[in-house]
Amino acid sequence: MTTGRAGVLLRRPEQARPAFLELFFDLAFVLVFFQLSQQLLEHLSWTGAFQTLVLLFAVMHLWSATTRFLDAFDPRHPLVQLLIMPIIFGTLVLAAAAPEAFGRNGLVFAGVYLTMRIVGLALAVFFLRGHEAQPSAVRILFWVGMSTVPWIAGALMPESGRAALWMTAMVVEYAALALGFPTPRLGRQGKRRQEIVVSEEHTAERYQQFFIIALGEPILVTGLTFGTGEFTADRSAATLVAFATTALLWRIYIHRAGALLADAMTAVPDPRRVFFLTVYSYAIMVAGIVAIAVGGELVIQHPLGHTDPAWIAVILGGPALFLAGRATFEYAVFGRVSPPRVMGALALLALTPAMKPAPPIAVATTAALILTGVAVADARRTRRFPAEQPSPPG
């Protein structure tokens, strides 16, 4: 049903492919991820890692929400393009405010984030009047409104309490997604496909594109860091290891599940579980990529120096986080997890204490070798099961 204002604005079935506007929107996140990696680098502690994770969850939720908006609305329509431009600019403001989000820019970050979320959803509710997808937008708006209190309260509190309140806000939003956005008088989100995604093909391709954008962050950091010093043998070797690690992330991601998300969404009557597992898994994978970028920068700057325990945490912990997220994504598509991913993540964690005497380049090489083992195991599985079909959890 496409009555009301939504008729001329909705994306039509033949427009499943992402538009240039969506790729333009993604470009802002290159800066976002770079800023988050630099924040983590400057505050390399458990507190700094927690703060970075809070901000990462927020921007990932913003990207996912905007992607859902453009899954329903036609990004080629001038009015839709006009509505998305402030979101792109707001994303740049979030990136600029991120380094001091737990300092003097707390109110700026929270205010811009909430403005984009609430105004965007309010416009979706307005333009979807008379359309079957409007109740879904109302439910999401209700839960974003619920998260407003800890967002604003955290922005007005000192740094110590801000992270806890903002994480509470994120837990509210992510938990609401998992529960189907239960809302007074409207109930939970139904199982109708139209309430989850409009086009499985479009949604799947957007997530694939976003992953490539996220990989651009360690590529950017690797190139910038390598270019700020001498092209010595040790720094060149460290740069090669950093690049190889990024290439391995790409290879592990695309293996089977990365290319079959759309099929997985259409393979079950209720795609809700596949969708929210995808959202969660990407948040975890991108967190790993940000940590990997920080680790790569440290290794290139100090390839043969003393390895601080915090450095080991990001050099090995980043790939472990990525594998954990990738395993979750695999479960969303196939309903199972390949043992090499779990074994790789556990090996990275188990080797952490033993890596303290090793120089940073040796730690990074160890991580790359473990990722190589996972990629090789994937290739062997492909030869054994060349035509495996999606079988997501029902």
Protein backbone atom coordinates (compact mmCIF):
# COMPACT_ATOMS: atom_id res chain seq x y z
CA MET A 1 0.00 0.00 0.00
CA THR A 2 1.52 3.33 -1.08
CA THR A 3 -1.14 5.93 -0.32
CA GLY A 4 -0.55 9.36 1.19
CA ARG A 5 2.56 11.45 0.82
CA ALA A 6 4.84 8.44 0.52
CA GLY A 7 3.71 7.43 -2.97
CA VAL A 8 6.08 9.61 -5.00
CA LEU A 9 8.95 9.30 -2.50
CA LEU A 10 9.15 5.54 -2.07
CA ARG A 11 11.85 3.44 -3.64
CA ARG A 12 10.41 1.28 -6.42
CA PRO A 13 11.26 -2.44 -6.83
CA GLU A 14 13.39 -1.78 -9.92
CA GLN A 15 15.56 0.62 -7.85
CA ALA A 16 17.11 -2.03 -5.64
CA ARG A 17 20.68 -0.99 -6.41
CA PRO A 18 22.19 1.66 -4.09
CA ALA A 19 22.32 5.19 -5.47
CA PHE A 20 25.23 7.64 -5.60
CA LEU A 21 23.69 9.59 -2.70
CA GLU A 22 24.15 6.57 -0.45
CA LEU A 23 27.80 6.19 -1.39
CA PHE A 24 28.26 9.91 -0.78
CA PHE A 25 26.76 9.45 2.68
CA ASP A 26 29.18 6.60 3.42
CA LEU A 27 32.19 8.81 2.68
CA ALA A 28 31.56 10.80 5.85
CA PHE A 29 32.21 7.66 7.87
CA VAL A 30 35.79 7.43 6.63
CA LEU A 31 36.43 10.55 8.72
CA VAL A 32 34.32 9.19 11.60
CA PHE A 33 36.34 5.99 11.86
CA PHE A 34 39.63 7.85 11.49
CA GLN A 35 38.68 10.18 14.35
CA LEU A 36 37.63 7.26 16.53
CA SER A 37 40.90 5.43 15.90
CA GLN A 38 42.84 8.56 16.80
CA GLN A 39 40.81 8.97 19.98
CA LEU A 40 41.59 5.38 20.95
CA LEU A 41 45.26 5.93 20.13
CA GLU A 42 45.42 9.00 22.38
CA HIS A 43 43.52 7.28 25.23
CA LEU A 44 44.89 3.76 25.00
CA SER A 45 43.41 2.36 28.20
CA TRP A 46 40.35 0.38 29.25
CA THR A 47 38.54 3.67 29.89
CA GLY A 48 39.53 5.02 26.49
CA ALA A 49 38.49 1.78 24.79
CA PHE A 50 35.09 1.89 26.50
CA GLN A 51 34.55 5.51 25.48
CA THR A 52 35.50 4.78 21.88
CA LEU A 53 33.12 1.82 21.84
CA VAL A 54 30.24 4.00 23.04
CA LEU A 55 30.82 6.51 20.24
CA LEU A 56 31.24 3.73 17.69
CA PHE A 57 27.92 2.13 18.67
CA ALA A 58 26.23 5.52 18.29
CA VAL A 59 27.55 6.26 14.79
CA MET A 60 26.88 2.68 13.68
CA HIS A 61 23.28 3.06 14.81
CA LEU A 62 23.05 6.34 12.91
CA TRP A 63 24.34 4.70 9.73
CA SER A 64 21.97 1.75 10.09
CA ALA A 65 18.98 4.04 10.67
CA THR A 66 19.80 6.21 7.65
CA THR A 67 20.26 3.10 5.53
CA ARG A 68 16.80 1.88 6.56
CA PHE A 69 15.38 5.29 5.65
CA LEU A 70 16.95 5.11 2.18
CA ASP A 71 15.81 1.51 1.83
CA ALA A 72 12.24 2.83 1.94
CA PHE A 73 12.64 6.18 0.19
CA ASP A 74 13.95 6.90 -3.30
CA PRO A 75 17.38 8.59 -2.99
CA ARG A 76 16.97 9.91 -6.54
CA HIS A 77 14.06 12.13 -5.54
CA PRO A 78 15.19 15.77 -4.97
CA LEU A 79 13.29 16.06 -1.68
CA VAL A 80 14.92 12.91 -0.28
CA GLN A 81 18.33 14.20 -1.36
CA LEU A 82 17.60 17.49 0.38
CA LEU A 83 16.67 15.66 3.58
CA ILE A 84 19.83 13.52 3.56
CA MET A 85 22.30 16.41 3.13
CA PRO A 86 21.89 17.65 6.73
CA ILE A 87 22.51 14.09 7.94
CA ILE A 88 25.77 13.94 6.00
CA PHE A 89 26.83 17.32 7.40
CA GLY A 90 25.75 16.26 10.89
CA THR A 91 27.91 13.14 10.56
CA LEU A 92 30.89 15.36 9.81
CA VAL A 93 30.07 17.40 12.93
CA LEU A 94 29.95 14.19 14.99
CA ALA A 95 33.35 13.22 13.62
CA ALA A 96 34.76 16.64 14.50
CA ALA A 97 33.28 16.48 18.02
CA ALA A 98 34.29 12.87 18.71
CA PRO A 99 37.84 13.50 20.06
CA GLU A 100 36.39 15.73 22.81
CA ALA A 101 33.01 14.05 23.14
CA PHE A 102 33.92 13.08 26.71
CA GLY A 103 35.28 16.54 27.35
CA ARG A 104 34.10 19.95 26.24
CA ASN A 105 32.12 18.69 23.22
CA GLY A 106 29.80 16.30 25.04
CA LEU A 107 26.67 18.38 24.55
CA VAL A 108 27.56 19.01 20.91
CA PHE A 109 27.94 15.29 20.16
CA ALA A 110 24.77 14.26 22.00
CA GLY A 111 22.74 17.16 20.61
CA VAL A 112 23.72 16.57 16.99
CA TYR A 113 23.20 12.81 17.29
CA LEU A 114 19.73 13.14 18.83
CA THR A 115 18.69 15.88 16.40
CA MET A 116 19.55 13.72 13.41
CA ARG A 117 17.83 10.67 14.85
CA ILE A 118 14.65 12.35 16.07
CA VAL A 119 14.14 14.75 13.16
CA GLY A 120 14.89 12.01 10.62
CA LEU A 121 12.36 9.64 12.20
CA ALA A 122 9.76 12.38 12.59
CA LEU A 123 10.04 13.15 8.88
CA ALA A 124 9.74 9.45 8.06
CA VAL A 125 6.55 9.24 10.16
CA PHE A 126 5.17 12.32 8.40
CA PHE A 127 5.88 11.18 4.86
CA LEU A 128 4.76 7.60 5.54
CA ARG A 129 1.28 8.65 6.63
CA GLY A 130 -1.15 6.16 5.14
CA HIS A 131 1.62 3.65 4.44
CA GLU A 132 1.94 0.28 6.16
CA ALA A 133 5.51 1.05 7.26
CA GLN A 134 4.54 4.11 9.32
CA PRO A 135 3.89 2.18 12.60
CA SER A 136 7.43 0.80 12.42
CA ALA A 137 8.84 4.33 12.19
CA VAL A 138 6.66 5.40 15.14
CA ARG A 139 7.97 2.52 17.24
CA ILE A 140 11.59 3.42 16.53
CA LEU A 141 10.92 7.09 17.27
CA PHE A 142 9.43 6.12 20.63
CA TRP A 143 12.56 4.20 21.64
CA VAL A 144 14.93 6.89 20.44
CA GLY A 145 12.92 9.25 22.60
CA MET A 146 13.44 6.88 25.55
CA SER A 147 17.20 7.03 25.00
CA THR A 148 17.18 10.83 24.95
CA VAL A 149 17.20 11.09 28.75
CA PRO A 150 20.52 9.25 29.34
CA TRP A 151 22.03 10.99 26.29
CA ILE A 152 21.30 14.49 27.59
CA ALA A 153 21.98 13.60 31.23
CA GLY A 154 25.33 12.13 30.25
CA ALA A 155 26.27 15.21 28.24
CA LEU A 156 25.71 17.35 31.34
CA MET A 157 27.74 15.08 33.63
CA PRO A 158 31.51 14.81 34.14
CA GLU A 159 33.52 12.41 32.02
CA SER A 160 33.39 9.58 34.57
CA GLY A 161 29.60 9.25 34.46
CA ARG A 162 29.06 10.29 30.86
CA ALA A 163 30.30 7.07 29.29
CA ALA A 164 28.07 4.93 31.53
CA LEU A 165 24.95 6.96 30.74
CA TRP A 166 25.65 7.05 27.03
CA MET A 167 26.24 3.32 26.98
CA THR A 168 22.89 2.95 28.77
CA ALA A 169 21.31 4.93 25.92
CA MET A 170 22.93 2.61 23.38
CA VAL A 171 21.78 -0.48 25.27
CA VAL A 172 18.22 0.87 25.17
CA GLU A 173 18.34 1.35 21.39
CA TYR A 174 20.05 -1.94 20.56
CA ALA A 175 17.86 -3.92 22.97
CA ALA A 176 14.74 -2.34 21.46
CA LEU A 177 15.89 -3.53 18.04
CA ALA A 178 16.33 -7.08 19.30
CA LEU A 179 12.90 -7.07 20.98
CA GLY A 180 11.06 -5.70 17.94
CA PHE A 181 10.58 -2.17 19.36
CA PRO A 182 7.69 -2.97 21.74
CA THR A 183 5.66 0.23 22.02
CA PRO A 184 2.55 1.12 24.03
CA ARG A 185 -0.66 0.70 21.95
CA LEU A 186 1.33 -0.44 18.91
CA GLY A 187 2.90 -3.59 20.33
CA ARG A 188 5.99 -5.12 18.76
CA GLN A 189 7.20 -4.90 15.23
CA GLY A 190 5.45 -7.56 13.18
CA LYS A 191 6.96 -10.30 11.09
CA ARG A 192 5.93 -8.76 7.78
CA ARG A 193 8.95 -8.27 5.58
CA GLN A 194 7.92 -4.69 4.73
CA GLU A 195 8.41 -3.69 8.38
CA ILE A 196 12.01 -4.95 8.44
CA VAL A 197 13.42 -4.25 4.99
CA VAL A 198 11.89 -3.07 1.73
CA SER A 199 14.50 -4.68 -0.50
CA GLU A 200 16.75 -7.49 0.72
CA GLU A 201 19.08 -6.93 -2.23
CA HIS A 202 19.48 -3.24 -1.44
CA THR A 203 20.03 -3.81 2.28
CA ALA A 204 22.63 -6.53 1.68
CA GLU A 205 24.56 -4.46 -0.84
CA ARG A 206 24.58 -1.43 1.46
CA TYR A 207 26.13 -3.46 4.27
CA GLN A 208 28.73 -4.87 1.88
CA GLN A 209 29.62 -1.37 0.71
CA PHE A 210 29.81 -0.10 4.26
CA PHE A 211 32.25 -2.82 5.21
CA ILE A 212 34.53 -1.73 2.37
CA ILE A 213 34.27 1.87 3.60
CA ALA A 214 35.27 0.67 7.08
CA LEU A 215 38.31 -1.10 5.61
CA GLY A 216 39.31 2.22 4.10
CA GLU A 217 40.15 3.45 7.60
CA PRO A 218 43.13 1.11 8.26
CA ILE A 219 44.25 1.68 4.65
CA LEU A 220 44.19 5.44 5.27
CA VAL A 221 45.99 5.16 8.62
CA THR A 222 48.60 2.79 7.19
CA GLY A 223 49.43 5.10 4.29
CA LEU A 224 49.50 8.27 6.38
CA THR A 225 51.67 6.71 9.09
CA PHE A 226 54.14 5.19 6.63
CA GLY A 227 54.46 8.50 4.82
CA THR A 228 55.40 10.48 7.94
CA GLY A 229 58.79 8.81 8.44
CA GLU A 230 61.75 7.26 6.68
CA PHE A 231 61.23 4.37 4.30
CA THR A 232 63.43 2.04 6.31
CA ALA A 233 63.37 -1.74 6.07
CA ASP A 234 61.67 -2.25 9.44
CA ARG A 235 58.97 0.37 8.79
CA SER A 236 58.41 -1.00 5.28
CA ALA A 237 57.99 -4.51 6.67
CA ALA A 238 55.56 -3.24 9.31
CA THR A 239 53.56 -1.46 6.61
CA LEU A 240 53.41 -4.63 4.54
CA VAL A 241 52.10 -6.58 7.55
CA ALA A 242 49.47 -3.88 8.22
CA PHE A 243 48.29 -3.98 4.62
CA ALA A 244 48.25 -7.79 4.57
CA THR A 245 46.11 -7.77 7.71
CA THR A 246 43.58 -5.45 6.06
CA ALA A 247 43.53 -7.61 2.92
CA LEU A 248 42.90 -10.70 5.05
CA LEU A 249 39.94 -8.99 6.74
CA TRP A 250 38.46 -8.40 3.31
CA ARG A 251 39.07 -12.00 2.26
CA ILE A 252 37.56 -13.48 5.41
CA TYR A 253 34.55 -11.18 5.23
CA ILE A 254 33.55 -11.96 1.63
CA HIS A 255 33.81 -15.73 2.08
CA ARG A 256 30.29 -17.04 1.52
CA ALA A 257 28.28 -15.14 4.14
CA GLY A 258 29.39 -11.72 2.90
CA ALA A 259 27.85 -12.40 -0.49
CA LEU A 260 24.70 -14.24 0.65
CA LEU A 261 23.04 -11.83 3.07
CA ALA A 262 20.18 -11.01 0.66
CA ASP A 263 19.48 -14.72 0.13
CA ALA A 264 19.49 -15.28 3.89
CA MET A 265 16.88 -12.55 4.41
CA THR A 266 14.58 -14.11 1.84
CA ALA A 267 15.12 -17.67 3.12
CA VAL A 268 13.07 -17.19 6.29
CA PRO A 269 9.47 -16.00 6.81
CA ASP A 270 10.63 -13.54 9.50
CA PRO A 271 13.87 -11.74 8.54
CA ARG A 272 13.98 -9.79 11.80
CA ARG A 273 16.51 -12.05 13.51
CA VAL A 274 18.78 -12.04 10.48
CA PHE A 275 18.59 -8.24 10.36
CA PHE A 276 19.40 -7.50 13.98
CA LEU A 277 22.17 -10.12 14.09
CA THR A 278 23.63 -8.39 11.04
CA VAL A 279 23.48 -5.00 12.77
CA TYR A 280 25.20 -6.39 15.89
CA SER A 281 27.84 -8.31 13.95
CA TYR A 282 28.82 -5.27 11.89
CA ALA A 283 29.19 -3.16 15.02
CA ILE A 284 31.58 -5.77 16.44
CA MET A 285 33.51 -6.15 13.16
CA VAL A 286 33.93 -2.39 12.76
CA ALA A 287 35.10 -2.10 16.38
CA GLY A 288 37.76 -4.68 15.51
CA ILE A 289 38.75 -2.73 12.39
CA VAL A 290 39.18 0.50 14.37
CA ALA A 291 41.40 -1.34 16.88
CA ILE A 292 43.39 -2.91 14.02
CA ALA A 293 44.00 0.54 12.54
CA VAL A 294 45.37 1.75 15.89
CA GLY A 295 47.57 -1.33 16.19
CA GLY A 296 48.88 -0.86 12.65
CA GLU A 297 49.83 2.74 13.36
CA LEU A 298 51.71 1.76 16.51
CA VAL A 299 53.56 -1.05 14.73
CA ILE A 300 54.65 1.18 11.82
CA GLN A 301 55.82 3.90 14.21
CA HIS A 302 57.71 1.50 16.52
CA PRO A 303 58.28 -1.77 14.66
CA LEU A 304 61.21 -2.95 16.76
CA GLY A 305 60.63 -1.06 19.99
CA HIS A 306 59.28 -2.14 23.36
CA THR A 307 55.75 -3.55 23.22
CA ASP A 308 53.45 -1.98 25.76
CA PRO A 309 50.69 -4.30 27.08
CA ALA A 310 48.07 -1.86 25.77
CA TRP A 311 49.60 -2.17 22.30
CA ILE A 312 49.26 -5.95 22.43
CA ALA A 313 45.62 -5.52 23.37
CA VAL A 314 44.81 -3.63 20.17
CA ILE A 315 47.19 -5.53 17.85
CA LEU A 316 45.76 -8.92 18.86
CA GLY A 317 42.41 -7.84 20.27
CA GLY A 318 41.36 -6.05 17.08
CA PRO A 319 41.55 -9.20 14.90
CA ALA A 320 39.90 -11.22 17.70
CA LEU A 321 36.98 -8.75 17.77
CA PHE A 322 36.69 -8.91 14.01
CA LEU A 323 36.57 -12.71 14.03
CA ALA A 324 33.93 -12.65 16.79
CA GLY A 325 31.79 -10.26 14.74
CA ARG A 326 32.34 -12.28 11.59
CA ALA A 327 31.30 -15.46 13.42
CA THR A 328 28.09 -13.73 14.53
CA PHE A 329 27.44 -12.66 10.95
CA GLU A 330 28.06 -16.20 9.74
CA TYR A 331 25.49 -17.46 12.24
CA ALA A 332 22.99 -14.91 10.91
CA VAL A 333 23.40 -16.28 7.38
CA PHE A 334 24.02 -20.01 7.92
CA GLY A 335 22.76 -20.72 11.44
CA ARG A 336 26.18 -22.10 12.40
CA VAL A 337 29.74 -20.91 13.05
CA SER A 338 32.86 -22.32 11.40
CA PRO A 339 35.36 -23.61 14.01
CA PRO A 340 38.36 -21.76 12.43
CA ARG A 341 36.84 -18.38 13.36
CA VAL A 342 36.35 -19.36 16.98
CA MET A 343 39.75 -21.04 17.14
CA GLY A 344 41.41 -18.00 15.57
CA ALA A 345 39.84 -15.60 18.07
CA LEU A 346 40.76 -17.85 21.01
CA ALA A 347 44.33 -18.26 19.72
CA LEU A 348 44.75 -14.48 19.54
CA LEU A 349 43.54 -14.11 23.11
CA ALA A 350 45.60 -17.04 24.39
CA LEU A 351 48.80 -15.69 22.85
CA THR A 352 48.41 -12.25 24.40
CA PRO A 353 50.45 -12.95 27.59
CA ALA A 354 53.25 -14.62 25.60
CA MET A 355 53.67 -11.64 23.27
CA LYS A 356 54.94 -9.18 25.87
CA PRO A 357 58.69 -9.78 25.20
CA ALA A 358 58.21 -9.64 21.42
CA PRO A 359 58.63 -6.44 19.38
CA PRO A 360 55.47 -4.89 17.90
CA ILE A 361 56.17 -6.17 14.38
CA ALA A 362 56.38 -9.74 15.68
CA VAL A 363 53.03 -9.36 17.47
CA ALA A 364 51.42 -7.97 14.31
CA THR A 365 52.92 -10.74 12.20
CA THR A 366 51.49 -13.33 14.60
CA ALA A 367 48.03 -11.82 14.22
CA ALA A 368 48.38 -11.80 10.42
CA LEU A 369 49.45 -15.45 10.41
CA ILE A 370 46.41 -16.47 12.46
CA LEU A 371 44.13 -14.57 10.07
CA THR A 372 45.90 -16.32 7.20
CA GLY A 373 45.09 -19.66 8.81
CA VAL A 374 41.39 -18.70 8.97
CA ALA A 375 41.42 -17.63 5.32
CA VAL A 376 43.10 -20.88 4.26
CA ALA A 377 40.52 -22.89 6.22
CA ASP A 378 37.79 -20.96 4.41
CA ALA A 379 39.32 -21.83 1.04
CA ARG A 380 39.46 -25.52 1.95
CA ARG A 381 35.82 -25.46 3.05
CA THR A 382 34.88 -23.92 -0.30
CA ARG A 383 36.42 -26.86 -2.13
CA ARG A 384 34.55 -29.32 0.09
CA PHE A 385 31.17 -27.53 0.00
CA PRO A 386 31.11 -25.45 -3.18
CA ALA A 387 27.35 -24.75 -3.27
CA GLU A 388 26.33 -24.18 0.36
CA GLN A 389 23.05 -22.28 0.64
CA PRO A 390 21.97 -19.87 3.40
CA SER A 391 20.17 -21.45 6.34
CA PRO A 392 19.62 -18.62 8.83
CA PRO A 393 18.14 -19.21 12.29
CA GLY A 394 14.33 -19.09 12.11
